[in-house]
């Protein structure tokens, strides 16, 4: 009979279970963190392998293209491109003498004959030695030239009279160089 004492017999023992709510949460959380770190590490390893594979493919393509290049032709093309740039710059600063002479010719009266015509691009001038019938013709020529917006200044150097009545004169026409540059005429 059991009188409330302690019994050491195996069939009479009772198991006492003590359960604390949330006691396994830390273990589950730790396992979750370890699992996440492992998955992240595996993902980084896979992505690194993928990027290394892509990098080697791109390097192979670059090497293939590099092998197909004609380096001598490329050098010649670069030199030619530099030469075109230099020539283009010179051409853009080049005077179009035909335009200058057309402007001068359009302003000269028919009673005038030229003996010499000299042009100097660096000084932006034209020197004319000519013959005229009278002083009025020379004055009309100067007035006509000054009416052109491209003419900056005119100087009449010398007028000589011949026994035949013809006047020989020297005139210098200074013009606005910028209005006759190739780069300015292309944009018009």
N, C-alpha and C. Protein backbone atom coordinates (compact mmCIF):
# COMPACT_ATOMS: atom_id res chain seq x y z
N UNK A 1 0.79 -1.16 0.00
CA UNK A 1 0.00 0.00 0.00
C UNK A 1 0.85 1.24 0.00
N UNK A 2 0.34 2.17 -0.65
CA UNK A 2 1.11 3.38 -0.81
C UNK A 2 0.68 4.37 0.24
N UNK A 3 1.62 4.79 0.99
CA UNK A 3 1.26 5.71 2.05
C UNK A 3 1.83 7.11 1.79
N UNK A 4 2.08 7.43 0.60
CA UNK A 4 2.55 8.77 0.27
C UNK A 4 4.02 8.92 0.38
N UNK A 5 4.74 7.88 0.47
CA UNK A 5 6.18 7.95 0.55
C UNK A 5 6.82 7.86 -0.81
N UNK A 6 8.07 7.81 -0.80
CA UNK A 6 8.81 7.74 -2.05
C UNK A 6 9.02 6.30 -2.38
N UNK A 7 8.69 5.98 -3.60
CA UNK A 7 8.85 4.61 -4.05
C UNK A 7 9.94 4.60 -5.09
N UNK A 8 10.85 3.65 -4.97
CA UNK A 8 11.97 3.59 -5.89
C UNK A 8 11.76 2.52 -6.94
N UNK A 9 10.67 2.01 -7.02
CA UNK A 9 10.39 0.97 -8.00
C UNK A 9 10.13 1.63 -9.36
N UNK A 10 10.62 0.99 -10.40
CA UNK A 10 10.52 1.62 -11.72
C UNK A 10 9.07 1.80 -12.17
N UNK A 11 8.19 0.95 -11.87
CA UNK A 11 6.83 1.09 -12.37
C UNK A 11 6.05 2.18 -11.67
N UNK A 12 6.53 2.63 -10.61
CA UNK A 12 5.76 3.63 -9.89
C UNK A 12 6.33 5.04 -10.06
N UNK A 13 7.39 5.19 -10.79
CA UNK A 13 7.97 6.53 -10.95
C UNK A 13 7.16 7.33 -11.94
N UNK A 14 7.09 8.58 -11.72
CA UNK A 14 6.41 9.49 -12.62
C UNK A 14 7.42 10.48 -13.19
N UNK A 15 7.19 10.78 -14.36
CA UNK A 15 8.09 11.72 -15.00
C UNK A 15 7.53 13.13 -14.84
N UNK A 16 8.40 14.01 -14.42
CA UNK A 16 7.97 15.39 -14.22
C UNK A 16 8.56 16.19 -15.40
N UNK A 17 7.70 16.84 -16.11
CA UNK A 17 8.13 17.66 -17.23
C UNK A 17 7.88 19.11 -16.91
N UNK A 18 8.93 19.87 -17.11
CA UNK A 18 8.80 21.30 -16.88
C UNK A 18 9.01 21.96 -18.25
N UNK A 19 8.10 22.74 -18.64
CA UNK A 19 8.20 23.38 -19.94
C UNK A 19 8.11 24.89 -19.75
N UNK A 20 9.11 25.55 -20.34
CA UNK A 20 9.17 27.02 -20.26
C UNK A 20 8.78 27.52 -21.65
N UNK A 21 7.77 28.37 -21.74
CA UNK A 21 7.35 28.84 -23.07
C UNK A 21 8.47 29.66 -23.73
N UNK A 22 8.79 29.40 -25.04
CA UNK A 22 9.78 30.12 -25.81
C UNK A 22 11.20 29.71 -25.53
N UNK A 23 11.43 28.62 -24.87
CA UNK A 23 12.79 28.23 -24.53
C UNK A 23 13.59 27.80 -25.75
N UNK A 24 12.93 27.34 -26.82
CA UNK A 24 13.63 26.87 -28.02
C UNK A 24 13.73 27.95 -29.10
N UNK A 25 13.21 29.12 -28.87
CA UNK A 25 13.25 30.19 -29.87
C UNK A 25 14.69 30.59 -30.20
N UNK A 26 15.53 30.71 -29.28
CA UNK A 26 16.92 31.10 -29.53
C UNK A 26 17.62 30.07 -30.39
N UNK A 27 17.32 28.82 -30.14
CA UNK A 27 17.94 27.76 -30.95
C UNK A 27 17.43 27.83 -32.37
N UNK A 28 16.11 28.02 -32.54
CA UNK A 28 15.53 28.12 -33.89
C UNK A 28 16.06 29.36 -34.61
N UNK A 29 16.16 30.47 -33.90
CA UNK A 29 16.68 31.70 -34.48
C UNK A 29 18.14 31.53 -34.92
N UNK A 30 18.94 30.91 -34.09
CA UNK A 30 20.35 30.65 -34.42
C UNK A 30 20.48 29.75 -35.64
N UNK A 31 19.66 28.69 -35.68
CA UNK A 31 19.69 27.80 -36.86
C UNK A 31 19.26 28.57 -38.10
N UNK A 32 18.26 29.42 -37.98
CA UNK A 32 17.79 30.24 -39.11
C UNK A 32 18.88 31.18 -39.62
N UNK A 33 19.60 31.82 -38.69
CA UNK A 33 20.67 32.74 -39.09
C UNK A 33 21.79 31.97 -39.77
N UNK A 34 22.16 30.83 -39.22
CA UNK A 34 23.22 30.01 -39.84
C UNK A 34 22.78 29.56 -41.22
N UNK A 35 21.52 29.17 -41.37
CA UNK A 35 21.00 28.73 -42.67
C UNK A 35 21.01 29.90 -43.66
N UNK A 36 20.62 31.11 -43.22
CA UNK A 36 20.62 32.29 -44.11
C UNK A 36 22.04 32.65 -44.55
N UNK A 37 22.98 32.60 -43.62
CA UNK A 37 24.37 32.89 -43.95
C UNK A 37 24.89 31.87 -44.95
N UNK A 38 24.56 30.63 -44.74
CA UNK A 38 24.99 29.58 -45.66
C UNK A 38 24.39 29.79 -47.06
N UNK A 39 23.10 30.13 -47.13
CA UNK A 39 22.45 30.38 -48.43
C UNK A 39 23.05 31.63 -49.09
N UNK A 40 23.31 32.66 -48.32
CA UNK A 40 23.92 33.87 -48.87
C UNK A 40 25.32 33.58 -49.39
N UNK A 41 26.09 32.86 -48.65
CA UNK A 41 27.43 32.48 -49.07
C UNK A 41 27.38 31.65 -50.35
N UNK A 42 26.47 30.69 -50.42
CA UNK A 42 26.34 29.85 -51.61
C UNK A 42 25.90 30.70 -52.81
N UNK A 43 24.98 31.65 -52.59
CA UNK A 43 24.53 32.53 -53.67
C UNK A 43 25.66 33.41 -54.18
N UNK A 44 26.46 33.95 -53.29
CA UNK A 44 27.60 34.78 -53.69
C UNK A 44 28.61 33.95 -54.47
N UNK A 45 28.84 32.73 -54.04
CA UNK A 45 29.78 31.85 -54.75
C UNK A 45 29.27 31.55 -56.16
N UNK A 46 28.00 31.25 -56.29
CA UNK A 46 27.42 30.95 -57.61
C UNK A 46 27.48 32.19 -58.50
N UNK A 47 27.12 33.36 -57.96
CA UNK A 47 27.14 34.59 -58.74
C UNK A 47 28.56 34.95 -59.15
N UNK A 48 29.53 34.74 -58.28
CA UNK A 48 30.93 35.01 -58.61
C UNK A 48 31.39 34.10 -59.74
N UNK A 49 31.00 32.83 -59.68
CA UNK A 49 31.36 31.90 -60.75
C UNK A 49 30.72 32.33 -62.07
N UNK A 50 29.47 32.79 -62.01
CA UNK A 50 28.77 33.27 -63.21
C UNK A 50 29.49 34.49 -63.80
N UNK A 51 29.87 35.45 -62.94
CA UNK A 51 30.56 36.65 -63.41
C UNK A 51 31.94 36.32 -63.98
N UNK A 52 32.66 35.41 -63.34
CA UNK A 52 33.97 34.99 -63.87
C UNK A 52 33.82 34.34 -65.23
N UNK A 53 32.77 33.55 -65.41
CA UNK A 53 32.51 32.90 -66.69
C UNK A 53 32.21 33.96 -67.76
N UNK A 54 31.37 34.94 -67.41
CA UNK A 54 31.06 36.02 -68.36
C UNK A 54 32.31 36.82 -68.71
N UNK A 55 33.13 37.09 -67.69
CA UNK A 55 34.36 37.84 -67.91
C UNK A 55 35.29 37.10 -68.86
N UNK A 56 35.41 35.82 -68.70
CA UNK A 56 36.29 35.05 -69.59
C UNK A 56 35.71 35.03 -71.00
N UNK A 57 34.37 34.98 -71.15
CA UNK A 57 33.76 35.03 -72.48
C UNK A 57 34.04 36.37 -73.15
N UNK A 58 33.91 37.45 -72.38
CA UNK A 58 34.16 38.79 -72.95
C UNK A 58 35.63 38.95 -73.31
N UNK A 59 36.52 38.45 -72.48
CA UNK A 59 37.96 38.52 -72.81
C UNK A 59 38.26 37.74 -74.07
N UNK A 60 37.62 36.58 -74.25
CA UNK A 60 37.83 35.80 -75.47
C UNK A 60 37.33 36.56 -76.69
N UNK A 61 36.17 37.23 -76.58
CA UNK A 61 35.66 38.02 -77.69
C UNK A 61 36.59 39.19 -78.01
N UNK A 62 37.10 39.85 -76.97
CA UNK A 62 38.03 40.97 -77.18
C UNK A 62 39.30 40.48 -77.87
N UNK A 63 39.82 39.36 -77.43
CA UNK A 63 41.03 38.81 -78.05
C UNK A 63 40.77 38.44 -79.51
N UNK A 64 39.58 37.90 -79.80
CA UNK A 64 39.23 37.55 -81.17
C UNK A 64 39.16 38.80 -82.04
N UNK A 65 38.51 39.83 -81.54
CA UNK A 65 38.39 41.08 -82.30
C UNK A 65 39.75 41.74 -82.44
N UNK A 66 40.55 41.71 -81.39
CA UNK A 66 41.90 42.27 -81.43
C UNK A 66 42.74 41.59 -82.50
N UNK A 67 42.56 40.30 -82.65
CA UNK A 67 43.31 39.56 -83.66
C UNK A 67 42.88 39.90 -85.08
N UNK A 68 41.63 40.35 -85.25
CA UNK A 68 41.11 40.67 -86.57
C UNK A 68 41.40 42.10 -87.00
N UNK A 69 41.87 42.96 -86.08
CA UNK A 69 42.14 44.36 -86.42
C UNK A 69 43.33 44.49 -87.35
N UNK A 70 43.24 45.48 -88.22
CA UNK A 70 44.34 45.84 -89.11
C UNK A 70 44.98 47.10 -88.52
N UNK A 71 46.00 46.91 -87.72
CA UNK A 71 46.57 48.02 -86.96
C UNK A 71 47.27 49.04 -87.88
N UNK A 72 47.86 48.58 -88.95
CA UNK A 72 48.52 49.50 -89.89
C UNK A 72 47.48 50.42 -90.53
N UNK A 73 46.35 49.84 -90.93
CA UNK A 73 45.27 50.65 -91.52
C UNK A 73 44.74 51.66 -90.50
N UNK A 74 44.60 51.24 -89.25
CA UNK A 74 44.12 52.14 -88.21
C UNK A 74 45.08 53.30 -87.99
N UNK A 75 46.39 53.01 -88.00
CA UNK A 75 47.38 54.08 -87.85
C UNK A 75 47.28 55.06 -89.01
N UNK A 76 47.17 54.53 -90.21
CA UNK A 76 47.05 55.40 -91.38
C UNK A 76 45.77 56.23 -91.33
N UNK A 77 44.70 55.62 -90.88
CA UNK A 77 43.43 56.35 -90.77
C UNK A 77 43.52 57.47 -89.74
N UNK A 78 44.20 57.22 -88.62
CA UNK A 78 44.37 58.26 -87.61
C UNK A 78 45.22 59.42 -88.13
N UNK A 79 46.29 59.09 -88.85
CA UNK A 79 47.14 60.13 -89.43
C UNK A 79 46.34 60.94 -90.45
N UNK A 80 45.56 60.25 -91.28
CA UNK A 80 44.75 60.93 -92.28
C UNK A 80 43.71 61.82 -91.61
N UNK A 81 43.12 61.35 -90.54
CA UNK A 81 42.14 62.15 -89.81
C UNK A 81 42.78 63.41 -89.24
N UNK A 82 43.99 63.29 -88.71
CA UNK A 82 44.69 64.47 -88.19
C UNK A 82 45.03 65.44 -89.31
N UNK A 83 45.43 64.91 -90.45
CA UNK A 83 45.75 65.78 -91.59
C UNK A 83 44.50 66.50 -92.08
N UNK A 84 43.36 65.79 -92.13
CA UNK A 84 42.11 66.43 -92.53
C UNK A 84 41.74 67.55 -91.57
N UNK A 85 41.97 67.32 -90.28
CA UNK A 85 41.65 68.36 -89.29
C UNK A 85 42.52 69.60 -89.52
N UNK A 86 43.80 69.39 -89.80
CA UNK A 86 44.69 70.53 -90.06
C UNK A 86 44.30 71.26 -91.34
N UNK A 87 44.05 70.49 -92.40
CA UNK A 87 43.68 71.10 -93.68
C UNK A 87 42.33 71.80 -93.55
N UNK A 88 41.39 71.18 -92.83
CA UNK A 88 40.09 71.81 -92.63
C UNK A 88 40.21 73.14 -91.92
N UNK A 89 41.08 73.19 -90.92
CA UNK A 89 41.30 74.44 -90.20
C UNK A 89 41.89 75.50 -91.12
N UNK A 90 42.85 75.11 -91.96
CA UNK A 90 43.43 76.07 -92.92
C UNK A 90 42.38 76.53 -93.93
N UNK A 91 41.57 75.60 -94.41
CA UNK A 91 40.55 75.98 -95.39
C UNK A 91 39.51 76.91 -94.79
N UNK A 92 39.16 76.69 -93.54
CA UNK A 92 38.18 77.57 -92.91
C UNK A 92 38.71 78.98 -92.76
N UNK A 93 40.03 79.14 -92.69
CA UNK A 93 40.63 80.47 -92.58
C UNK A 93 41.13 80.98 -93.93
N UNK A 94 40.81 80.28 -94.99
CA UNK A 94 41.28 80.63 -96.33
C UNK A 94 40.34 81.67 -96.95
N UNK A 95 40.95 82.68 -97.54
CA UNK A 95 40.17 83.68 -98.25
C UNK A 95 39.67 83.12 -99.56
N UNK A 96 38.48 83.48 -99.91
CA UNK A 96 37.96 83.11 -101.23
C UNK A 96 38.18 84.32 -102.13
N UNK A 97 39.30 84.28 -102.84
CA UNK A 97 39.70 85.43 -103.66
C UNK A 97 38.71 85.70 -104.78
N UNK A 98 38.08 84.66 -105.26
CA UNK A 98 37.11 84.89 -106.34
C UNK A 98 35.97 85.78 -105.84
N UNK A 99 35.57 85.62 -104.59
CA UNK A 99 34.51 86.48 -104.04
C UNK A 99 35.01 87.91 -103.86
N UNK A 100 36.25 88.06 -103.42
CA UNK A 100 36.82 89.40 -103.25
C UNK A 100 36.90 90.10 -104.60
N UNK A 101 37.43 89.41 -105.59
CA UNK A 101 37.59 90.02 -106.92
C UNK A 101 36.25 90.31 -107.57
N UNK A 102 35.26 89.45 -107.33
CA UNK A 102 33.92 89.69 -107.89
C UNK A 102 33.32 90.95 -107.28
N UNK A 103 33.52 91.17 -105.98
CA UNK A 103 33.02 92.38 -105.33
C UNK A 103 33.69 93.62 -105.91
N UNK A 104 35.01 93.55 -106.08
CA UNK A 104 35.74 94.70 -106.62
C UNK A 104 35.32 94.94 -108.07
N UNK A 105 35.22 93.90 -108.85
CA UNK A 105 34.86 94.04 -110.26
C UNK A 105 33.47 94.64 -110.42
N UNK A 106 32.55 94.25 -109.54
CA UNK A 106 31.20 94.78 -109.63
C UNK A 106 31.09 96.26 -109.31
N UNK A 107 32.11 96.83 -108.67
CA UNK A 107 32.08 98.24 -108.27
C UNK A 107 32.96 99.13 -109.17
N UNK A 108 33.60 98.57 -110.16
CA UNK A 108 34.50 99.33 -111.02
C UNK A 108 33.73 99.85 -112.25
N UNK A 109 33.81 101.18 -112.52
CA UNK A 109 33.16 101.74 -113.73
C UNK A 109 33.81 101.21 -115.01
N UNK A 110 33.07 101.22 -116.08
CA UNK A 110 33.56 100.66 -117.34
C UNK A 110 34.66 101.54 -117.98
N UNK A 111 34.81 102.79 -117.55
CA UNK A 111 35.82 103.67 -118.10
C UNK A 111 37.19 103.46 -117.46
N UNK A 112 37.35 102.43 -116.63
CA UNK A 112 38.60 102.18 -115.93
C UNK A 112 39.26 100.93 -116.50
N UNK A 113 40.56 100.98 -116.64
CA UNK A 113 41.35 99.82 -117.05
C UNK A 113 42.39 99.55 -115.98
N UNK A 114 42.60 98.28 -115.69
CA UNK A 114 43.63 97.91 -114.71
C UNK A 114 44.93 97.61 -115.43
N UNK A 115 46.03 98.12 -114.87
CA UNK A 115 47.36 97.72 -115.34
C UNK A 115 47.86 96.57 -114.48
N UNK A 116 47.78 96.75 -113.17
CA UNK A 116 48.19 95.67 -112.24
C UNK A 116 47.17 95.58 -111.12
N UNK A 117 47.07 94.38 -110.60
CA UNK A 117 46.21 94.13 -109.45
C UNK A 117 46.97 93.16 -108.54
N UNK A 118 47.28 93.60 -107.33
CA UNK A 118 48.01 92.78 -106.37
C UNK A 118 47.16 92.56 -105.14
N UNK A 119 47.08 91.32 -104.68
CA UNK A 119 46.33 91.01 -103.47
C UNK A 119 47.25 90.49 -102.38
N UNK A 120 46.99 90.90 -101.14
CA UNK A 120 47.77 90.44 -100.00
C UNK A 120 46.79 90.02 -98.91
N UNK A 121 46.67 88.70 -98.72
CA UNK A 121 45.71 88.18 -97.76
C UNK A 121 46.10 88.50 -96.33
N UNK A 122 47.39 88.50 -96.03
CA UNK A 122 47.81 88.75 -94.65
C UNK A 122 47.48 90.17 -94.21
N UNK A 123 47.50 91.11 -95.14
CA UNK A 123 47.18 92.50 -94.81
C UNK A 123 45.75 92.86 -95.20
N UNK A 124 45.03 91.92 -95.80
CA UNK A 124 43.64 92.12 -96.23
C UNK A 124 43.51 93.33 -97.14
N UNK A 125 44.33 93.35 -98.18
CA UNK A 125 44.27 94.50 -99.07
C UNK A 125 44.48 94.07 -100.52
N UNK A 126 44.00 94.95 -101.40
CA UNK A 126 44.23 94.81 -102.85
C UNK A 126 44.79 96.15 -103.31
N UNK A 127 45.87 96.09 -104.06
CA UNK A 127 46.47 97.30 -104.64
C UNK A 127 46.21 97.27 -106.14
N UNK A 128 45.66 98.36 -106.63
CA UNK A 128 45.33 98.45 -108.06
C UNK A 128 46.06 99.64 -108.66
N UNK A 129 46.67 99.38 -109.80
CA UNK A 129 47.24 100.46 -110.61
C UNK A 129 46.41 100.45 -111.88
N UNK A 130 45.75 101.57 -112.14
CA UNK A 130 44.84 101.60 -113.27
C UNK A 130 44.84 102.91 -114.01
N UNK A 131 44.07 102.96 -115.10
CA UNK A 131 43.89 104.15 -115.91
C UNK A 131 42.41 104.53 -115.88
N UNK A 132 42.18 105.80 -115.82
CA UNK A 132 40.81 106.30 -115.85
C UNK A 132 40.74 107.47 -116.82
N UNK A 133 39.54 107.76 -117.27
CA UNK A 133 39.33 108.83 -118.26
C UNK A 133 39.43 110.20 -117.59
N UNK A 134 38.90 110.32 -116.38
CA UNK A 134 38.92 111.61 -115.69
C UNK A 134 38.86 111.40 -114.17
N UNK A 135 38.94 112.50 -113.42
CA UNK A 135 38.91 112.44 -111.95
C UNK A 135 37.53 111.99 -111.45
N UNK A 136 36.50 112.34 -112.17
CA UNK A 136 35.14 111.96 -111.77
C UNK A 136 35.00 110.44 -111.78
N UNK A 137 35.59 109.78 -112.74
CA UNK A 137 35.53 108.32 -112.81
C UNK A 137 36.24 107.69 -111.62
N UNK A 138 37.38 108.25 -111.25
CA UNK A 138 38.11 107.74 -110.07
C UNK A 138 37.28 107.96 -108.81
N UNK A 139 36.65 109.13 -108.71
CA UNK A 139 35.82 109.43 -107.54
C UNK A 139 34.62 108.49 -107.47
N UNK A 140 34.00 108.21 -108.62
CA UNK A 140 32.87 107.28 -108.65
C UNK A 140 33.31 105.87 -108.22
N UNK A 141 34.49 105.50 -108.67
CA UNK A 141 35.02 104.18 -108.30
C UNK A 141 35.23 104.10 -106.79
N UNK A 142 35.82 105.12 -106.19
CA UNK A 142 36.05 105.13 -104.75
C UNK A 142 34.72 105.11 -103.99
N UNK A 143 33.75 105.91 -104.44
CA UNK A 143 32.44 105.95 -103.78
C UNK A 143 31.74 104.59 -103.88
N UNK A 144 31.83 103.96 -105.05
CA UNK A 144 31.19 102.65 -105.24
C UNK A 144 31.83 101.59 -104.34
N UNK A 145 33.15 101.63 -104.24
CA UNK A 145 33.84 100.65 -103.39
C UNK A 145 33.52 100.87 -101.91
N UNK A 146 33.45 102.15 -101.50
CA UNK A 146 33.14 102.44 -100.09
C UNK A 146 31.70 102.07 -99.73
N UNK A 147 30.82 101.97 -100.71
CA UNK A 147 29.43 101.60 -100.42
C UNK A 147 29.29 100.10 -100.12
N UNK A 148 30.30 99.32 -100.44
CA UNK A 148 30.27 97.88 -100.16
C UNK A 148 30.63 97.64 -98.70
N UNK A 149 29.83 96.84 -97.99
CA UNK A 149 30.07 96.61 -96.56
C UNK A 149 31.32 95.80 -96.28
N UNK A 150 31.87 95.15 -97.28
CA UNK A 150 33.08 94.36 -97.07
C UNK A 150 34.35 95.20 -97.17
N UNK A 151 34.25 96.41 -97.69
CA UNK A 151 35.41 97.30 -97.82
C UNK A 151 35.55 98.10 -96.54
N UNK A 152 36.72 98.03 -95.92
CA UNK A 152 36.96 98.74 -94.66
C UNK A 152 37.50 100.15 -94.90
N UNK A 153 38.41 100.30 -95.88
CA UNK A 153 39.01 101.61 -96.13
C UNK A 153 39.62 101.63 -97.53
N UNK A 154 39.78 102.81 -98.06
CA UNK A 154 40.40 102.99 -99.38
C UNK A 154 41.38 104.15 -99.26
N UNK A 155 42.54 103.98 -99.91
CA UNK A 155 43.47 105.11 -99.96
C UNK A 155 43.94 105.28 -101.41
N UNK A 156 43.86 106.51 -101.87
CA UNK A 156 44.32 106.87 -103.21
C UNK A 156 45.71 107.44 -103.05
N UNK A 157 46.71 106.73 -103.61
CA UNK A 157 48.09 107.12 -103.37
C UNK A 157 48.58 108.18 -104.35
N UNK A 158 48.36 107.97 -105.61
CA UNK A 158 49.00 108.84 -106.58
C UNK A 158 48.13 108.90 -107.84
N UNK A 159 47.99 110.08 -108.38
CA UNK A 159 47.29 110.25 -109.66
C UNK A 159 48.24 111.03 -110.58
N UNK A 160 48.53 110.44 -111.74
CA UNK A 160 49.42 111.09 -112.72
C UNK A 160 48.64 111.32 -114.01
N UNK A 161 48.95 112.42 -114.65
CA UNK A 161 48.28 112.75 -115.90
C UNK A 161 49.25 112.50 -117.06
N UNK A 162 48.73 111.87 -118.12
CA UNK A 162 49.50 111.64 -119.34
C UNK A 162 49.11 112.67 -120.40
N UNK A 163 49.97 112.91 -121.36
CA UNK A 163 49.66 113.90 -122.42
C UNK A 163 48.40 113.53 -123.21
N UNK A 164 48.02 112.27 -123.19
CA UNK A 164 46.81 111.86 -123.93
C UNK A 164 45.54 112.19 -123.15
N UNK A 165 45.67 112.65 -121.91
CA UNK A 165 44.52 113.00 -121.08
C UNK A 165 44.10 111.87 -120.15
N UNK A 166 44.73 110.73 -120.26
CA UNK A 166 44.41 109.59 -119.40
C UNK A 166 45.09 109.80 -118.06
N UNK A 167 44.38 109.40 -117.00
CA UNK A 167 44.92 109.50 -115.64
C UNK A 167 45.37 108.13 -115.18
N UNK A 168 46.59 108.08 -114.66
CA UNK A 168 47.08 106.84 -114.06
C UNK A 168 47.02 107.02 -112.55
N UNK A 169 46.48 106.00 -111.83
CA UNK A 169 46.32 106.15 -110.38
C UNK A 169 46.68 104.84 -109.67
N UNK A 170 47.02 104.96 -108.41
CA UNK A 170 47.26 103.82 -107.53
C UNK A 170 46.26 103.90 -106.38
N UNK A 171 45.60 102.81 -106.12
CA UNK A 171 44.59 102.78 -105.06
C UNK A 171 44.80 101.52 -104.22
N UNK A 172 44.61 101.64 -102.91
CA UNK A 172 44.68 100.49 -102.00
C UNK A 172 43.30 100.30 -101.39
N UNK A 173 42.81 99.09 -101.48
CA UNK A 173 41.51 98.76 -100.92
C UNK A 173 41.73 97.81 -99.76
N UNK A 174 41.36 98.22 -98.56
CA UNK A 174 41.42 97.34 -97.38
C UNK A 174 40.02 96.76 -97.17
N UNK A 175 39.94 95.48 -97.06
CA UNK A 175 38.63 94.84 -96.90
C UNK A 175 38.56 94.06 -95.60
N UNK A 176 37.34 93.74 -95.21
CA UNK A 176 37.09 92.96 -93.99
C UNK A 176 37.31 91.48 -94.32
N UNK A 177 38.43 90.98 -93.86
CA UNK A 177 38.85 89.61 -94.18
C UNK A 177 37.84 88.57 -93.68
N UNK A 178 37.23 88.83 -92.54
CA UNK A 178 36.31 87.85 -91.95
C UNK A 178 35.10 87.57 -92.84
N UNK A 179 34.72 88.51 -93.66
CA UNK A 179 33.55 88.30 -94.52
C UNK A 179 33.84 87.45 -95.74
N UNK A 180 35.12 87.19 -95.98
CA UNK A 180 35.50 86.39 -97.14
C UNK A 180 36.13 85.06 -96.78
N UNK A 181 36.14 84.70 -95.52
CA UNK A 181 36.71 83.41 -95.12
C UNK A 181 35.79 82.28 -95.55
N UNK A 182 36.37 81.15 -95.86
CA UNK A 182 35.59 80.00 -96.31
C UNK A 182 34.59 79.59 -95.26
N UNK A 183 34.96 79.63 -93.99
CA UNK A 183 34.04 79.20 -92.93
C UNK A 183 32.85 80.14 -92.83
N UNK A 184 33.01 81.40 -93.16
CA UNK A 184 31.90 82.36 -93.09
C UNK A 184 30.97 82.19 -94.29
N UNK A 185 31.52 81.90 -95.46
CA UNK A 185 30.68 81.77 -96.65
C UNK A 185 29.92 80.48 -96.67
N UNK A 186 30.43 79.42 -96.02
CA UNK A 186 29.70 78.14 -95.97
C UNK A 186 28.43 78.26 -95.15
N UNK A 187 28.44 79.08 -94.10
CA UNK A 187 27.28 79.17 -93.22
C UNK A 187 26.19 80.06 -93.78
N UNK A 188 26.48 80.81 -94.85
CA UNK A 188 25.46 81.71 -95.44
C UNK A 188 24.53 80.96 -96.32
